[in-house]
Amino acid sequence: MSSFIVPDFHIDTLVSWAVAHKAPAFFTGVDPRELARMLHAANVVAVNYRYGHGEKPDYVFSFRDARSVSPVQILKACDCFEYQCSGDPTWANSHAARALDAIRGTATRALPGYDEAAWTLDEVTA
């Protein structure tokens, strides 16, 4: 497994999209700037854990117009980000991981056809 620190634009877009789409992470009292900083710091911790370089968090959040970014692109960006952080053993139980899951869940529910799909499957709906 290799990991890297994602570009600032990556985190900016994830957080900006989540704000625009009212992801639950923002209803728990987390400021978007703080969440972005937390995500970046988690990424730095994971890279340092993996490589021991001693990278330091150096990031300032910038809101982006991410309203038109597709849910599929956000899901892929979440997967990329999680992959970069998952080498750190503290990642899975971190607040940053829970916030990323909230963004991922919001993107999943924004997929075309999600609202129309059956909630439970039976022989008629499957």
N, C-alpha and C. Protein backbone atom coordinates (compact mmCIF):
# COMPACT_ATOMS: atom_id res chain seq x y z
N MET A 1 0.85 -1.19 0.00
CA MET A 1 0.00 0.00 0.00
C MET A 1 0.88 1.24 0.00
N SER A 2 0.59 2.17 -0.87
CA SER A 2 1.26 3.45 -0.84
C SER A 2 0.22 4.51 -0.51
N SER A 3 0.66 5.59 0.07
CA SER A 3 -0.28 6.65 0.39
C SER A 3 0.38 8.00 0.13
N PHE A 4 -0.46 9.01 -0.04
CA PHE A 4 0.03 10.36 -0.29
C PHE A 4 -0.93 11.36 0.33
N ILE A 5 -0.45 12.57 0.46
CA ILE A 5 -1.30 13.66 0.95
C ILE A 5 -2.07 14.19 -0.25
N VAL A 6 -3.39 14.11 -0.17
CA VAL A 6 -4.22 14.54 -1.29
C VAL A 6 -4.07 16.05 -1.48
N PRO A 7 -4.32 16.54 -2.70
CA PRO A 7 -4.27 17.98 -2.94
C PRO A 7 -5.31 18.72 -2.08
N ASP A 8 -5.00 19.95 -1.75
CA ASP A 8 -5.96 20.77 -0.98
C ASP A 8 -7.31 20.81 -1.68
N PHE A 9 -7.29 20.92 -3.00
CA PHE A 9 -8.53 20.98 -3.77
C PHE A 9 -9.43 19.77 -3.49
N HIS A 10 -8.83 18.61 -3.27
CA HIS A 10 -9.58 17.37 -2.99
C HIS A 10 -10.41 17.54 -1.71
N ILE A 11 -9.76 17.98 -0.66
CA ILE A 11 -10.46 18.17 0.62
C ILE A 11 -11.44 19.34 0.52
N ASP A 12 -11.00 20.43 -0.10
CA ASP A 12 -11.90 21.58 -0.29
C ASP A 12 -13.20 21.15 -0.96
N THR A 13 -13.08 20.35 -2.01
CA THR A 13 -14.25 19.92 -2.77
C THR A 13 -15.13 18.98 -1.96
N LEU A 14 -14.53 18.02 -1.27
CA LEU A 14 -15.33 17.11 -0.44
C LEU A 14 -16.15 17.89 0.59
N VAL A 15 -15.50 18.78 1.30
CA VAL A 15 -16.18 19.53 2.36
C VAL A 15 -17.19 20.51 1.77
N SER A 16 -16.83 21.19 0.71
CA SER A 16 -17.75 22.14 0.07
C SER A 16 -18.99 21.43 -0.47
N TRP A 17 -18.79 20.26 -1.08
CA TRP A 17 -19.92 19.48 -1.58
C TRP A 17 -20.81 19.06 -0.41
N ALA A 18 -20.20 18.61 0.66
CA ALA A 18 -20.97 18.18 1.83
C ALA A 18 -21.79 19.33 2.42
N VAL A 19 -21.21 20.51 2.47
CA VAL A 19 -21.95 21.68 2.96
C VAL A 19 -23.13 21.97 2.04
N ALA A 20 -22.87 21.98 0.72
CA ALA A 20 -23.92 22.29 -0.25
C ALA A 20 -25.06 21.27 -0.22
N HIS A 21 -24.73 20.03 0.15
CA HIS A 21 -25.73 18.96 0.16
C HIS A 21 -26.17 18.57 1.57
N LYS A 22 -25.79 19.39 2.53
CA LYS A 22 -26.23 19.23 3.92
C LYS A 22 -25.93 17.85 4.50
N ALA A 23 -24.70 17.42 4.34
CA ALA A 23 -24.28 16.15 4.93
C ALA A 23 -24.42 16.22 6.45
N PRO A 24 -24.83 15.13 7.08
CA PRO A 24 -25.06 15.14 8.53
C PRO A 24 -23.87 15.59 9.37
N ALA A 25 -22.66 15.49 8.87
CA ALA A 25 -21.49 15.91 9.64
C ALA A 25 -21.60 17.36 10.07
N PHE A 26 -22.38 18.15 9.34
CA PHE A 26 -22.47 19.57 9.65
C PHE A 26 -23.63 19.91 10.56
N PHE A 27 -24.37 18.91 10.98
CA PHE A 27 -25.43 19.14 11.94
C PHE A 27 -25.02 18.69 13.33
N THR A 28 -23.76 18.35 13.50
CA THR A 28 -23.26 17.92 14.80
C THR A 28 -22.35 18.97 15.41
N GLY A 29 -22.44 20.19 14.92
CA GLY A 29 -21.66 21.27 15.47
C GLY A 29 -20.24 21.36 14.93
N VAL A 30 -19.95 20.67 13.83
CA VAL A 30 -18.61 20.73 13.25
C VAL A 30 -18.58 21.83 12.21
N ASP A 31 -17.69 22.78 12.40
CA ASP A 31 -17.49 23.85 11.44
C ASP A 31 -16.81 23.28 10.19
N PRO A 32 -17.23 23.66 8.99
CA PRO A 32 -16.61 23.13 7.79
C PRO A 32 -15.09 23.34 7.74
N ARG A 33 -14.63 24.48 8.19
CA ARG A 33 -13.17 24.73 8.19
C ARG A 33 -12.45 23.77 9.14
N GLU A 34 -13.07 23.53 10.27
CA GLU A 34 -12.48 22.60 11.23
C GLU A 34 -12.50 21.17 10.69
N LEU A 35 -13.59 20.80 10.04
CA LEU A 35 -13.66 19.46 9.46
C LEU A 35 -12.59 19.30 8.38
N ALA A 36 -12.44 20.29 7.53
CA ALA A 36 -11.42 20.22 6.48
C ALA A 36 -10.02 20.10 7.09
N ARG A 37 -9.76 20.88 8.14
CA ARG A 37 -8.47 20.80 8.81
C ARG A 37 -8.26 19.41 9.42
N MET A 38 -9.34 18.87 10.01
CA MET A 38 -9.27 17.55 10.63
C MET A 38 -8.99 16.46 9.58
N LEU A 39 -9.67 16.56 8.45
CA LEU A 39 -9.43 15.58 7.38
C LEU A 39 -7.98 15.66 6.89
N HIS A 40 -7.51 16.88 6.67
CA HIS A 40 -6.13 17.04 6.22
C HIS A 40 -5.16 16.49 7.25
N ALA A 41 -5.39 16.80 8.51
CA ALA A 41 -4.49 16.32 9.57
C ALA A 41 -4.49 14.79 9.61
N ALA A 42 -5.65 14.16 9.44
CA ALA A 42 -5.72 12.70 9.43
C ALA A 42 -4.91 12.13 8.27
N ASN A 43 -4.97 12.79 7.14
CA ASN A 43 -4.20 12.37 5.97
C ASN A 43 -2.70 12.47 6.25
N VAL A 44 -2.28 13.57 6.87
CA VAL A 44 -0.87 13.76 7.21
C VAL A 44 -0.41 12.71 8.22
N VAL A 45 -1.22 12.45 9.23
CA VAL A 45 -0.88 11.43 10.24
C VAL A 45 -0.68 10.08 9.57
N ALA A 46 -1.57 9.72 8.65
CA ALA A 46 -1.48 8.42 7.98
C ALA A 46 -0.21 8.32 7.12
N VAL A 47 0.11 9.38 6.41
CA VAL A 47 1.32 9.37 5.58
C VAL A 47 2.56 9.30 6.47
N ASN A 48 2.56 10.04 7.56
CA ASN A 48 3.69 9.98 8.49
C ASN A 48 3.80 8.61 9.14
N TYR A 49 2.67 7.99 9.46
CA TYR A 49 2.69 6.66 10.04
C TYR A 49 3.32 5.67 9.05
N ARG A 50 2.94 5.82 7.81
CA ARG A 50 3.42 4.90 6.77
C ARG A 50 4.90 5.11 6.43
N TYR A 51 5.29 6.38 6.29
CA TYR A 51 6.63 6.67 5.78
C TYR A 51 7.57 7.32 6.80
N GLY A 52 7.00 7.85 7.89
CA GLY A 52 7.82 8.48 8.90
C GLY A 52 8.53 9.74 8.45
N HIS A 53 7.96 10.45 7.50
CA HIS A 53 8.61 11.65 6.97
C HIS A 53 8.53 12.86 7.88
N GLY A 54 7.60 12.90 8.74
CA GLY A 54 7.44 14.07 9.58
C GLY A 54 6.77 15.23 8.87
N GLU A 55 5.87 14.91 7.91
CA GLU A 55 5.09 15.96 7.25
C GLU A 55 4.28 16.70 8.30
N LYS A 56 4.05 17.98 8.08
CA LYS A 56 3.27 18.78 9.01
C LYS A 56 2.02 19.29 8.33
N PRO A 57 0.91 19.30 9.06
CA PRO A 57 -0.31 19.86 8.45
C PRO A 57 -0.09 21.32 8.06
N ASP A 58 -0.26 21.60 6.81
CA ASP A 58 -0.12 22.96 6.28
C ASP A 58 -1.25 23.15 5.27
N TYR A 59 -2.38 23.58 5.77
CA TYR A 59 -3.57 23.59 4.94
C TYR A 59 -4.51 24.68 5.42
N VAL A 60 -5.10 25.38 4.47
CA VAL A 60 -6.14 26.36 4.76
C VAL A 60 -7.31 26.05 3.84
N PHE A 61 -8.46 25.81 4.42
CA PHE A 61 -9.65 25.46 3.66
C PHE A 61 -10.13 26.62 2.80
N SER A 62 -10.55 26.30 1.58
CA SER A 62 -11.17 27.27 0.68
C SER A 62 -12.48 26.68 0.18
N PHE A 63 -13.57 27.41 0.39
CA PHE A 63 -14.85 26.95 -0.16
C PHE A 63 -14.74 26.91 -1.68
N ARG A 64 -15.30 25.89 -2.27
CA ARG A 64 -15.35 25.72 -3.72
C ARG A 64 -16.82 25.59 -4.12
N ASP A 65 -17.12 25.96 -5.35
CA ASP A 65 -18.47 25.74 -5.85
C ASP A 65 -18.53 24.29 -6.31
N ALA A 66 -18.93 23.42 -5.41
CA ALA A 66 -18.92 21.98 -5.68
C ALA A 66 -20.32 21.43 -5.89
N ARG A 67 -21.31 22.30 -6.02
CA ARG A 67 -22.69 21.84 -6.15
C ARG A 67 -22.90 20.93 -7.35
N SER A 68 -22.16 21.18 -8.42
CA SER A 68 -22.37 20.39 -9.64
C SER A 68 -21.48 19.15 -9.73
N VAL A 69 -20.64 18.92 -8.75
CA VAL A 69 -19.82 17.71 -8.76
C VAL A 69 -20.76 16.52 -8.54
N SER A 70 -20.62 15.50 -9.37
CA SER A 70 -21.55 14.37 -9.30
C SER A 70 -21.36 13.55 -8.03
N PRO A 71 -22.44 12.94 -7.55
CA PRO A 71 -22.31 12.06 -6.39
C PRO A 71 -21.31 10.93 -6.63
N VAL A 72 -21.24 10.42 -7.85
CA VAL A 72 -20.29 9.34 -8.14
C VAL A 72 -18.87 9.84 -7.97
N GLN A 73 -18.59 11.06 -8.41
CA GLN A 73 -17.24 11.62 -8.25
C GLN A 73 -16.92 11.81 -6.78
N ILE A 74 -17.90 12.25 -6.00
CA ILE A 74 -17.68 12.41 -4.56
C ILE A 74 -17.42 11.06 -3.91
N LEU A 75 -18.16 10.03 -4.30
CA LEU A 75 -17.91 8.69 -3.75
C LEU A 75 -16.50 8.22 -4.07
N LYS A 76 -16.06 8.44 -5.28
CA LYS A 76 -14.71 8.03 -5.67
C LYS A 76 -13.67 8.84 -4.89
N ALA A 77 -13.92 10.14 -4.71
CA ALA A 77 -13.01 10.98 -3.94
C ALA A 77 -12.96 10.53 -2.48
N CYS A 78 -14.10 10.10 -1.93
CA CYS A 78 -14.12 9.56 -0.56
C CYS A 78 -13.29 8.29 -0.49
N ASP A 79 -13.45 7.42 -1.48
CA ASP A 79 -12.68 6.18 -1.49
C ASP A 79 -11.18 6.47 -1.56
N CYS A 80 -10.80 7.41 -2.42
CA CYS A 80 -9.39 7.79 -2.52
C CYS A 80 -8.88 8.31 -1.18
N PHE A 81 -9.64 9.22 -0.59
CA PHE A 81 -9.20 9.82 0.67
C PHE A 81 -9.08 8.76 1.76
N GLU A 82 -10.08 7.90 1.86
CA GLU A 82 -10.03 6.86 2.88
C GLU A 82 -8.82 5.94 2.68
N TYR A 83 -8.53 5.61 1.45
CA TYR A 83 -7.38 4.76 1.15
C TYR A 83 -6.09 5.42 1.64
N GLN A 84 -5.98 6.73 1.46
CA GLN A 84 -4.77 7.44 1.88
C GLN A 84 -4.63 7.45 3.40
N CYS A 85 -5.75 7.36 4.11
CA CYS A 85 -5.73 7.44 5.57
C CYS A 85 -5.79 6.09 6.27
N SER A 86 -6.20 5.06 5.58
CA SER A 86 -6.50 3.79 6.23
C SER A 86 -5.28 3.05 6.77
N GLY A 87 -4.08 3.46 6.40
CA GLY A 87 -2.89 2.81 6.93
C GLY A 87 -2.62 3.16 8.38
N ASP A 88 -3.21 4.24 8.85
CA ASP A 88 -3.06 4.65 10.25
C ASP A 88 -4.03 3.84 11.10
N PRO A 89 -3.56 3.12 12.10
CA PRO A 89 -4.46 2.28 12.90
C PRO A 89 -5.53 3.07 13.67
N THR A 90 -5.37 4.37 13.84
CA THR A 90 -6.38 5.15 14.56
C THR A 90 -7.47 5.68 13.62
N TRP A 91 -7.28 5.53 12.32
CA TRP A 91 -8.22 6.11 11.34
C TRP A 91 -9.64 5.59 11.53
N ALA A 92 -9.83 4.30 11.61
CA ALA A 92 -11.17 3.71 11.59
C ALA A 92 -12.09 4.25 12.69
N ASN A 93 -11.54 4.62 13.83
CA ASN A 93 -12.35 5.11 14.94
C ASN A 93 -12.28 6.62 15.11
N SER A 94 -11.76 7.31 14.12
CA SER A 94 -11.57 8.76 14.25
C SER A 94 -12.83 9.53 13.86
N HIS A 95 -12.91 10.76 14.35
CA HIS A 95 -14.01 11.65 13.97
C HIS A 95 -13.93 11.95 12.47
N ALA A 96 -12.73 12.06 11.95
CA ALA A 96 -12.56 12.31 10.51
C ALA A 96 -13.16 11.17 9.69
N ALA A 97 -12.95 9.93 10.11
CA ALA A 97 -13.52 8.78 9.40
C ALA A 97 -15.04 8.80 9.46
N ARG A 98 -15.60 9.15 10.61
CA ARG A 98 -17.05 9.23 10.72
C ARG A 98 -17.61 10.34 9.84
N ALA A 99 -16.92 11.46 9.77
CA ALA A 99 -17.37 12.56 8.92
C ALA A 99 -17.30 12.15 7.45
N LEU A 100 -16.24 11.46 7.06
CA LEU A 100 -16.13 10.99 5.68
C LEU A 100 -17.26 10.01 5.37
N ASP A 101 -17.61 9.16 6.31
CA ASP A 101 -18.74 8.24 6.12
C ASP A 101 -20.04 9.01 5.92
N ALA A 102 -20.21 10.12 6.64
CA ALA A 102 -21.41 10.94 6.48
C ALA A 102 -21.45 11.57 5.09
N ILE A 103 -20.30 12.02 4.60
CA ILE A 103 -20.24 12.58 3.25
C ILE A 103 -20.56 11.47 2.24
N ARG A 104 -19.98 10.30 2.44
CA ARG A 104 -20.22 9.17 1.54
C ARG A 104 -21.71 8.80 1.54
N GLY A 105 -22.33 8.76 2.71
CA GLY A 105 -23.75 8.43 2.79
C GLY A 105 -24.62 9.45 2.08
N THR A 106 -24.27 10.72 2.23
CA THR A 106 -25.02 11.78 1.55
C THR A 106 -24.88 11.63 0.04
N ALA A 107 -23.68 11.33 -0.43
CA ALA A 107 -23.46 11.13 -1.87
C ALA A 107 -24.23 9.92 -2.38
N THR A 108 -24.26 8.86 -1.60
CA THR A 108 -25.00 7.66 -2.01
C THR A 108 -26.48 7.98 -2.17
N ARG A 109 -27.03 8.70 -1.20
CA ARG A 109 -28.46 9.04 -1.27
C ARG A 109 -28.77 10.05 -2.37
N ALA A 110 -27.74 10.74 -2.89
CA ALA A 110 -27.93 11.70 -3.98
C ALA A 110 -27.82 11.05 -5.36
N LEU A 111 -27.49 9.77 -5.41
CA LEU A 111 -27.37 9.09 -6.71
C LEU A 111 -28.71 9.06 -7.43
N PRO A 112 -28.68 9.25 -8.75
CA PRO A 112 -29.93 9.15 -9.51
C PRO A 112 -30.58 7.78 -9.31
N GLY A 113 -31.88 7.80 -9.04
CA GLY A 113 -32.62 6.56 -8.85
C GLY A 113 -32.67 6.08 -7.42
N TYR A 114 -31.88 6.67 -6.54
CA TYR A 114 -31.85 6.20 -5.15
C TYR A 114 -33.21 6.37 -4.48
N ASP A 115 -33.81 7.55 -4.64
CA ASP A 115 -35.10 7.80 -3.99
C ASP A 115 -36.20 6.89 -4.51
N GLU A 116 -36.13 6.52 -5.78
CA GLU A 116 -37.16 5.70 -6.38
C GLU A 116 -36.99 4.20 -6.07
N ALA A 117 -35.81 3.80 -5.68
CA ALA A 117 -35.55 2.38 -5.42
C ALA A 117 -36.34 1.91 -4.19
N ALA A 118 -36.68 0.62 -4.20
CA ALA A 118 -37.42 0.03 -3.07
C ALA A 118 -36.54 0.02 -1.82
N TRP A 119 -37.16 0.22 -0.68
CA TRP A 119 -36.44 0.19 0.59
C TRP A 119 -36.09 -1.24 0.97
N THR A 120 -37.05 -2.12 0.81
CA THR A 120 -36.82 -3.54 1.07
C THR A 120 -37.05 -4.32 -0.22
N LEU A 121 -36.35 -5.42 -0.33
CA LEU A 121 -36.49 -6.24 -1.53
C LEU A 121 -37.38 -7.44 -1.27
N ASP A 122 -38.24 -7.70 -2.22
CA ASP A 122 -39.03 -8.92 -2.22
C ASP A 122 -39.08 -9.40 -3.66
N GLU A 123 -39.82 -10.43 -3.92
CA GLU A 123 -39.84 -10.99 -5.28
C GLU A 123 -40.36 -9.99 -6.30
N VAL A 124 -41.19 -9.04 -5.88
CA VAL A 124 -41.75 -8.07 -6.80
C VAL A 124 -40.73 -6.99 -7.14
N THR A 125 -39.97 -6.54 -6.15
CA THR A 125 -39.05 -5.41 -6.37
C THR A 125 -37.68 -5.84 -6.85
N ALA A 126 -37.29 -7.09 -6.65
CA ALA A 126 -35.93 -7.52 -6.97
C ALA A 126 -35.71 -7.72 -8.45
